[in-house]
Amino acid sequence: MQQMIEEGLIAWAGPAGLALLSILFGFAFYKALVFLVGRFSKPASVSRIFFDAAAGALCVSLCLLALNGVLHAVPQELPLLAPIQQITTLLLILSITWAAVGCTSAIGEVIVKLNPAFDDKWKHARKIETQTKFLVRCLNVVIVLVGTGSALMTFDTVNQIGTSLLASAGVGGIILGFAARPVLSNLLAGMQIALTQPFRIDDVLFVEDQWCWVEEVTATYVVLRVWDLRRLVVPLQWFIENPFQNWSRNSTELLGSALIWVDYGIPIEPLREEFARLLKATPDWDGITGTVQIVDSGEKAIQIRFLMSAKNSNTLWDLRCYVRENMILYTQQQFPQYLPRFRAQLMEE
């Protein structure tokens, strides 16, 4: 036994030295690439973004590629050569998959960078960002699946299992389809959302009685940031099957109202004048819409609506609160006798 080990070590002495040299050569080649890219490209350039995204994986891939070449050139009768070659090939496939995922993510970053959200192109930029993020995630999933499948196919046992599975692919496909139906439905829903664009990144939505912003779109769900900084995670399929409000679909401008109840005897014209004065005094109003109307009447009071507009949902919320507070204060100070009250009729016997 000891003699076999000694013979194996002696046989591996030369190939091991070549293998070590090949790894050093691959690492030196990677360092040369780092120097050239850093010398001839700007930090924010497209080529630099791609290189930085896949730098670590590229280093490992170059070293493994050089090592794999040496292992296939040495005498094939070396002990334990076959499992070492298999491990090296497996690691090479995984590192290439890692590099491909990094480059794919860099594609999304480059596309978003080439379409900045300027004031006159913000809607187009958000549309591109939403589509790019979803498609990049889907492409990453495909790359990982292909890489994992290629890595598994390096094992002979997996090949034998695969041959037997092909005979029952029909039944297995049906079972897999039922088991993966939620995942597949979300992927298809995400593809539909990416193409039709019912909402985009940073759109303001009203979902399940929650006022929120679209923060992140993944391959299977959407992360919504609620106004109180909570996060609402909603499956993509939900947006296909349920109605929701998009407050910034075509523009961010919105209309809002403040409602107050007052007595029938209150004069309306002073309220209109005070409302107009309040709108002109605040920078939250966009100067487009400002009307006062009686929108409801009951047995005891009437309801007055103060309709106003603002440039976005945040500003509109602040404007509505500002108008409501000040109109109630104005009514209390100028017309306290016309605040809502109960009316009763006295009957003489």
Protein backbone atom coordinates (compact mmCIF):
# COMPACT_ATOMS: atom_id res chain seq x y z
CA MET A 1 0.00 0.00 0.00
CA GLN A 2 2.80 2.38 0.95
CA GLN A 3 4.60 1.51 -2.24
CA MET A 4 1.49 2.34 -4.33
CA ILE A 5 1.19 5.71 -2.61
CA GLU A 6 4.85 6.48 -3.25
CA GLU A 7 4.53 5.50 -6.90
CA GLY A 8 1.44 7.67 -7.25
CA LEU A 9 3.21 10.66 -5.70
CA ILE A 10 6.19 10.18 -7.98
CA ALA A 11 3.92 9.91 -11.03
CA TRP A 12 2.09 13.09 -10.00
CA ALA A 13 5.22 15.14 -9.28
CA GLY A 14 5.61 16.50 -12.80
CA PRO A 15 1.88 16.98 -13.63
CA ALA A 16 1.29 18.68 -10.26
CA GLY A 17 4.04 21.19 -11.02
CA LEU A 18 2.51 21.87 -14.44
CA ALA A 19 -0.92 22.25 -12.85
CA LEU A 20 0.42 24.79 -10.37
CA LEU A 21 2.14 26.71 -13.17
CA SER A 22 -1.09 26.72 -15.19
CA ILE A 23 -3.01 28.20 -12.24
CA LEU A 24 -0.34 30.89 -11.83
CA PHE A 25 -0.47 31.56 -15.57
CA GLY A 26 -4.27 31.97 -15.45
CA PHE A 27 -4.00 34.31 -12.46
CA ALA A 28 -1.26 36.35 -14.17
CA PHE A 29 -3.38 36.61 -17.31
CA TYR A 30 -6.30 37.86 -15.18
CA LYS A 31 -4.08 40.49 -13.54
CA ALA A 32 -2.94 41.62 -16.99
CA LEU A 33 -6.58 42.02 -18.02
CA VAL A 34 -7.27 44.04 -14.86
CA PHE A 35 -4.35 46.33 -15.68
CA LEU A 36 -5.40 46.83 -19.30
CA VAL A 37 -9.05 47.46 -18.46
CA GLY A 38 -8.12 49.88 -15.68
CA ARG A 39 -5.65 51.67 -17.95
CA PHE A 40 -7.76 52.06 -21.08
CA SER A 41 -11.32 52.36 -19.73
CA LYS A 42 -13.08 54.85 -17.52
CA PRO A 43 -14.61 53.72 -14.18
CA ALA A 44 -18.15 54.42 -15.39
CA SER A 45 -17.76 53.05 -18.93
CA VAL A 46 -19.82 50.15 -20.26
CA SER A 47 -16.82 47.82 -20.62
CA ARG A 48 -15.73 48.59 -17.06
CA ILE A 49 -19.20 47.82 -15.69
CA PHE A 50 -19.22 44.42 -17.41
CA PHE A 51 -15.68 43.61 -16.28
CA ASP A 52 -16.29 44.62 -12.65
CA ALA A 53 -19.50 42.58 -12.52
CA ALA A 54 -17.73 39.37 -13.62
CA ALA A 55 -14.20 40.02 -12.32
CA GLY A 56 -14.14 37.42 -9.54
CA ALA A 57 -15.78 34.74 -11.65
CA LEU A 58 -13.48 35.55 -14.56
CA CYS A 59 -10.39 35.04 -12.40
CA VAL A 60 -11.59 31.64 -11.21
CA SER A 61 -12.64 30.62 -14.73
CA LEU A 62 -9.25 31.50 -16.27
CA CYS A 63 -7.35 29.55 -13.61
CA LEU A 64 -9.64 26.52 -13.96
CA LEU A 65 -9.51 26.70 -17.76
CA ALA A 66 -5.71 26.60 -17.72
CA LEU A 67 -5.72 23.80 -15.15
CA ASN A 68 -8.25 21.80 -17.15
CA GLY A 69 -6.09 22.08 -20.26
CA VAL A 70 -3.04 20.72 -18.42
CA LEU A 71 -5.01 17.83 -16.89
CA HIS A 72 -6.19 16.72 -20.32
CA ALA A 73 -2.63 16.90 -21.72
CA VAL A 74 -0.91 14.78 -19.05
CA PRO A 75 -0.77 10.94 -19.33
CA GLN A 76 -4.25 9.60 -18.75
CA GLU A 77 -3.05 6.56 -16.78
CA LEU A 78 -2.21 8.70 -13.73
CA PRO A 79 -3.98 7.53 -10.56
CA LEU A 80 -7.08 9.55 -9.52
CA LEU A 81 -6.84 11.62 -12.70
CA ALA A 82 -10.46 10.96 -13.76
CA PRO A 83 -12.13 12.27 -10.56
CA ILE A 84 -9.79 15.29 -10.50
CA GLN A 85 -10.70 16.08 -14.11
CA GLN A 86 -14.39 15.74 -13.27
CA ILE A 87 -14.11 18.06 -10.26
CA THR A 88 -12.18 20.60 -12.33
CA THR A 89 -14.77 20.50 -15.11
CA LEU A 90 -17.58 20.86 -12.59
CA LEU A 91 -15.95 23.90 -10.99
CA LEU A 92 -15.28 25.40 -14.44
CA ILE A 93 -18.95 25.08 -15.41
CA LEU A 94 -20.04 26.70 -12.12
CA SER A 95 -17.57 29.57 -12.50
CA ILE A 96 -18.70 30.23 -16.09
CA THR A 97 -22.30 30.25 -14.86
CA TRP A 98 -21.28 32.71 -12.16
CA ALA A 99 -19.61 34.95 -14.75
CA ALA A 100 -22.64 34.77 -17.05
CA VAL A 101 -24.98 35.81 -14.23
CA GLY A 102 -22.70 38.75 -13.42
CA CYS A 103 -22.60 39.88 -17.05
CA THR A 104 -26.39 39.56 -17.35
CA SER A 105 -26.89 41.72 -14.27
CA ALA A 106 -24.47 44.24 -15.76
CA ILE A 107 -26.62 44.36 -18.92
CA GLY A 108 -29.52 45.59 -16.82
CA GLU A 109 -27.33 48.16 -15.08
CA VAL A 110 -26.00 49.46 -18.41
CA ILE A 111 -29.48 49.74 -19.96
CA VAL A 112 -30.77 51.68 -16.93
CA LYS A 113 -27.71 53.93 -17.02
CA LEU A 114 -28.15 54.67 -20.73
CA ASN A 115 -31.76 55.75 -20.06
CA PRO A 116 -31.51 58.30 -17.23
CA ALA A 117 -34.70 59.66 -15.68
CA PHE A 118 -34.56 63.24 -16.92
CA ASP A 119 -37.51 65.53 -16.29
CA ASP A 120 -38.84 65.16 -19.82
CA LYS A 121 -38.15 61.41 -20.11
CA TRP A 122 -38.92 60.11 -16.63
CA LYS A 123 -41.82 57.93 -17.77
CA HIS A 124 -39.77 56.25 -20.52
CA ALA A 125 -36.85 55.71 -18.13
CA ARG A 126 -39.07 54.05 -15.51
CA LYS A 127 -40.62 51.84 -18.17
CA ILE A 128 -37.20 50.69 -19.37
CA GLU A 129 -36.02 50.09 -15.78
CA THR A 130 -39.05 47.94 -14.93
CA GLN A 131 -38.80 45.81 -18.07
CA THR A 132 -35.02 45.44 -17.77
CA LYS A 133 -35.06 44.31 -14.14
CA PHE A 134 -37.68 41.66 -14.79
CA LEU A 135 -36.08 40.33 -17.97
CA VAL A 136 -32.61 40.24 -16.36
CA ARG A 137 -33.95 38.20 -13.45
CA CYS A 138 -35.68 35.78 -15.80
CA LEU A 139 -32.49 35.43 -17.85
CA ASN A 140 -30.48 34.80 -14.68
CA VAL A 141 -32.89 32.03 -13.70
CA VAL A 142 -32.44 30.40 -17.12
CA ILE A 143 -28.63 30.70 -16.90
CA VAL A 144 -28.56 29.15 -13.43
CA LEU A 145 -30.80 26.29 -14.57
CA VAL A 146 -28.66 25.61 -17.63
CA GLY A 147 -25.45 25.81 -15.59
CA THR A 148 -26.80 23.52 -12.88
CA GLY A 149 -28.01 21.03 -15.47
CA SER A 150 -24.64 21.07 -17.25
CA ALA A 151 -22.84 20.54 -13.95
CA LEU A 152 -25.05 17.60 -13.03
CA MET A 153 -24.57 16.01 -16.44
CA THR A 154 -20.88 15.57 -15.67
CA PHE A 155 -21.85 12.69 -13.35
CA ASP A 156 -22.45 9.31 -15.01
CA THR A 157 -25.21 8.42 -12.54
CA VAL A 158 -27.19 11.49 -13.54
CA ASN A 159 -26.88 10.54 -17.20
CA GLN A 160 -28.25 7.08 -16.45
CA ILE A 161 -31.12 8.55 -14.43
CA GLY A 162 -31.81 11.00 -17.21
CA THR A 163 -32.10 8.20 -19.75
CA SER A 164 -34.72 6.43 -17.64
CA LEU A 165 -36.60 9.66 -16.98
CA LEU A 166 -36.97 10.35 -20.68
CA ALA A 167 -39.16 7.26 -20.98
CA SER A 168 -41.67 8.74 -18.54
CA ALA A 169 -41.28 12.38 -19.51
CA GLY A 170 -44.97 12.78 -20.28
CA VAL A 171 -46.21 11.76 -16.84
CA GLY A 172 -43.34 13.58 -15.14
CA GLY A 173 -44.07 16.74 -17.10
CA ILE A 174 -47.72 16.70 -16.06
CA ILE A 175 -46.82 16.17 -12.39
CA LEU A 176 -44.16 18.88 -12.54
CA GLY A 177 -46.59 21.25 -14.22
CA PHE A 178 -49.16 20.86 -11.44
CA ALA A 179 -46.49 21.19 -8.73
CA ALA A 180 -44.91 24.27 -10.28
CA ARG A 181 -48.16 25.94 -11.31
CA PRO A 182 -47.90 28.84 -8.81
CA VAL A 183 -44.32 29.59 -9.82
CA LEU A 184 -45.05 29.32 -13.55
CA SER A 185 -48.18 31.47 -13.26
CA ASN A 186 -46.19 34.21 -11.52
CA LEU A 187 -43.45 34.02 -14.16
CA LEU A 188 -45.99 34.33 -16.97
CA ALA A 189 -47.78 37.13 -15.12
CA GLY A 190 -44.46 38.92 -14.69
CA MET A 191 -43.76 38.62 -18.40
CA GLN A 192 -47.18 40.07 -19.18
CA ILE A 193 -46.62 42.95 -16.74
CA ALA A 194 -43.17 43.67 -18.20
CA LEU A 195 -44.61 43.87 -21.71
CA THR A 196 -47.89 45.72 -21.03
CA GLN A 197 -46.57 47.99 -18.24
CA PRO A 198 -49.65 48.47 -15.99
CA PHE A 199 -47.19 49.90 -13.46
CA ARG A 200 -43.51 50.83 -13.32
CA ILE A 201 -40.82 51.34 -10.70
CA ASP A 202 -41.74 54.29 -8.39
CA ASP A 203 -45.37 54.36 -9.56
CA VAL A 204 -47.90 55.24 -6.87
CA LEU A 205 -50.46 52.44 -6.42
CA PHE A 206 -53.51 51.95 -4.22
CA VAL A 207 -53.55 48.24 -3.37
CA GLU A 208 -55.72 46.53 -0.74
CA ASP A 209 -56.64 49.91 0.81
CA GLN A 210 -52.93 50.76 1.04
CA TRP A 211 -51.30 53.83 -0.51
CA CYS A 212 -47.84 52.70 -1.66
CA TRP A 213 -45.00 52.99 -4.18
CA VAL A 214 -43.55 50.27 -6.41
CA GLU A 215 -40.11 49.68 -4.91
CA GLU A 216 -38.94 46.43 -6.52
CA VAL A 217 -40.17 44.05 -9.22
CA THR A 218 -38.80 40.50 -9.07
CA ALA A 219 -39.52 37.46 -11.22
CA THR A 220 -42.38 36.30 -8.98
CA TYR A 221 -43.50 39.17 -6.73
CA VAL A 222 -43.59 42.95 -6.31
CA VAL A 223 -42.35 44.83 -3.24
CA LEU A 224 -44.53 47.85 -2.44
CA ARG A 225 -43.39 50.55 -0.01
CA VAL A 226 -46.39 51.69 2.03
CA TRP A 227 -46.64 55.35 3.07
CA ASP A 228 -45.69 54.46 6.68
CA LEU A 229 -42.51 52.66 5.39
CA ARG A 230 -43.92 49.14 5.73
CA ARG A 231 -43.27 46.75 2.83
CA LEU A 232 -46.14 44.95 1.13
CA VAL A 233 -45.07 41.87 -0.88
CA VAL A 234 -47.63 40.94 -3.55
CA PRO A 235 -47.37 38.01 -6.03
CA LEU A 236 -47.36 39.08 -9.67
CA GLN A 237 -50.37 36.90 -10.39
CA TRP A 238 -52.45 39.07 -8.03
CA PHE A 239 -52.04 42.09 -10.32
CA ILE A 240 -53.39 40.09 -13.26
CA GLU A 241 -56.47 38.81 -11.39
CA ASN A 242 -57.40 41.85 -9.25
CA PRO A 243 -58.08 45.52 -9.97
CA PHE A 244 -55.81 48.17 -8.47
CA GLN A 245 -55.36 51.93 -8.78
CA ASN A 246 -52.31 53.48 -10.45
CA TRP A 247 -52.08 57.13 -9.48
CA SER A 248 -49.11 57.89 -11.76
CA ARG A 249 -49.84 55.80 -14.86
CA ASN A 250 -49.55 58.65 -17.38
CA SER A 251 -48.72 61.63 -15.15
CA THR A 252 -48.13 62.35 -11.48
CA GLU A 253 -50.69 65.19 -11.22
CA LEU A 254 -53.68 64.29 -9.06
CA LEU A 255 -56.96 65.77 -7.84
CA GLY A 256 -57.97 65.57 -4.20
CA SER A 257 -60.71 66.89 -1.96
CA ALA A 258 -61.35 67.96 1.62
CA LEU A 259 -64.90 67.52 2.93
CA ILE A 260 -66.54 69.35 5.84
CA TRP A 261 -70.08 69.32 7.23
CA VAL A 262 -71.75 72.66 8.10
CA ASP A 263 -75.20 74.01 8.85
CA TYR A 264 -77.66 74.95 6.11
CA GLY A 265 -77.43 78.64 6.96
CA ILE A 266 -73.74 79.17 6.25
CA PRO A 267 -72.89 81.50 3.32
CA ILE A 268 -70.84 79.75 0.61
CA GLU A 269 -69.15 82.73 -1.04
CA PRO A 270 -66.88 83.61 1.97
CA LEU A 271 -65.77 79.97 2.04
CA ARG A 272 -64.83 80.18 -1.64
CA GLU A 273 -62.80 83.33 -1.04
CA GLU A 274 -60.98 81.85 1.94
CA PHE A 275 -60.28 78.64 0.02
CA ALA A 276 -58.80 80.60 -2.91
CA ARG A 277 -56.64 82.61 -0.49
CA LEU A 278 -55.32 79.42 1.13
CA LEU A 279 -54.43 77.88 -2.23
CA LYS A 280 -52.51 80.96 -3.36
CA ALA A 281 -50.62 81.05 -0.05
CA THR A 282 -49.20 77.52 -0.28
CA PRO A 283 -46.56 76.22 -2.74
CA ASP A 284 -48.20 72.78 -2.69
CA TRP A 285 -50.97 73.90 -5.07
CA ASP A 286 -50.11 73.60 -8.77
CA GLY A 287 -52.49 76.39 -9.78
CA ILE A 288 -54.74 74.23 -11.98
CA THR A 289 -57.85 73.15 -10.05
CA GLY A 290 -59.52 74.82 -7.07
CA THR A 291 -63.32 74.64 -6.70
CA VAL A 292 -65.89 74.70 -3.87
CA GLN A 293 -69.14 72.75 -4.23
CA ILE A 294 -71.98 71.46 -2.08
CA VAL A 295 -71.89 67.74 -2.80
CA ASP A 296 -74.36 66.34 -0.24
CA SER A 297 -77.20 67.38 2.03
CA GLY A 298 -78.88 65.65 4.91
CA GLU A 299 -81.47 66.30 7.56
CA LYS A 300 -79.06 68.17 9.82
CA ALA A 301 -76.24 69.59 7.65
CA ILE A 302 -74.75 70.01 4.20
CA GLN A 303 -71.41 68.68 2.98
CA ILE A 304 -69.02 71.03 1.19
CA ARG A 305 -66.21 69.72 -0.99
CA PHE A 306 -62.99 71.69 -1.55
CA LEU A 307 -61.48 70.24 -4.72
CA MET A 308 -57.79 70.94 -5.45
CA SER A 309 -54.88 69.61 -7.51
CA ALA A 310 -51.17 69.03 -6.88
CA LYS A 311 -48.11 67.81 -8.76
CA ASN A 312 -47.91 64.41 -7.02
CA SER A 313 -49.54 62.24 -4.37
CA ASN A 314 -47.27 63.33 -1.52
CA THR A 315 -47.88 67.00 -2.13
CA LEU A 316 -51.62 66.41 -2.60
CA TRP A 317 -51.89 64.70 0.79
CA ASP A 318 -50.18 67.62 2.53
CA LEU A 319 -52.37 70.09 0.61
CA ARG A 320 -55.61 68.31 1.57
CA CYS A 321 -54.67 68.28 5.25
CA TYR A 322 -53.66 71.94 5.08
CA VAL A 323 -56.95 73.01 3.48
CA ARG A 324 -59.11 70.88 5.80
CA GLU A 325 -57.47 72.21 8.95
CA ASN A 326 -57.60 75.85 7.89
CA MET A 327 -61.17 75.75 6.56
CA ILE A 328 -62.40 74.19 9.81
CA LEU A 329 -60.50 76.87 11.76
CA TYR A 330 -61.99 79.61 9.55
CA THR A 331 -65.51 78.27 10.10
CA GLN A 332 -64.97 78.09 13.86
CA GLN A 333 -63.74 81.68 13.98
CA GLN A 334 -66.05 83.39 11.46
CA PHE A 335 -69.21 81.27 11.47
CA PRO A 336 -69.36 79.34 14.76
CA GLN A 337 -73.17 79.51 14.72
CA TYR A 338 -73.23 77.47 11.50
CA LEU A 339 -71.33 74.45 12.74
CA PRO A 340 -73.36 71.21 12.48
CA ARG A 341 -76.04 70.97 15.15
CA PHE A 342 -79.03 68.85 16.01
CA ARG A 343 -82.42 70.33 15.11
CA ALA A 344 -85.56 69.62 17.08
CA GLN A 345 -89.19 70.67 16.70
CA LEU A 346 -91.15 71.61 19.82
CA MET A 347 -94.73 70.46 19.93
CA GLU A 348 -97.33 72.31 22.05
CA GLU A 349 -99.97 70.17 23.72
